[in-house]
């Protein structure tokens, strides 16, 4: 496999700055990713958002570069956490140096692309809507994407007779899941994206529509109501500093200084 190379430039998405406009080549769906591609003066640069609902980090590698962007000079992956004060974390890899990934920022990515790149919060990644994004597109206001899909709970609630405790519990769990996903997206975009130093370089593609806050299932008679249903979306809080509940798509806080892939001089840290 031979990659198109960007001359001797290494850490392209950290060091380079364009001198002429780039051309947006559109979005592409490939496996569990939505890819945005630009034809820059250095070659094709790709920004990847994962859409499979996984909460883990996916650090770019030679294998991922071959799989997603074999004709690109650089690939950047939007990670599920944040690197204050720069905003959502980005990891990149170059075709000129495919043996080592490195952290970068949205501001440095904009210097290469010549325009802000799109950011989709993990709880708002609807592939169909993501594929329709273009530079300059207005920010969408959309319901949160809940994973796993709560549709079976809604079906159960619809099939139960009026007054059924099972129906009430199923509906409450579904409402809570939608609320939690929307609420975490709203809070994280507000705290880590809107308030970041890089906000001028981030095209926030979508914001959540907030549903009505869920109400707990009322107990008709003390001691006779079934125990509150445990949501399949609710798990213990993440241990990472600033972490939230990974109860839908990942609700994550900021990276600690020790785990950040990007140091102030642009070098990669081996400690996560």
Foldseek 3Di string as FASTA:
>chain_A
DAEDAQPQDFPCLAPDFAPDAKAWPAWDDDDQWIWTWIQFPSGIEIEIEGQPLDQDFDAQAPVVCVRPPRHGQKYKYFHQEFAPQQFTWIKMGGSSGRHDIFTHGLVSNCRGNVAADEDEHNQGCDPVLVRPDDPPDAAAEEFTRFPPDLVVLCVVLVPDDPPDLSNVLSVLLNLQRSQVSLVLQQVRCVPRAVNHPNNRRYDHRYHYDHDDRGDDDDDPDPPPRDDRDDHCLFDDFDPAVQTGTSSGRGSGYHHDPQQGLQDPVGHGDPGD
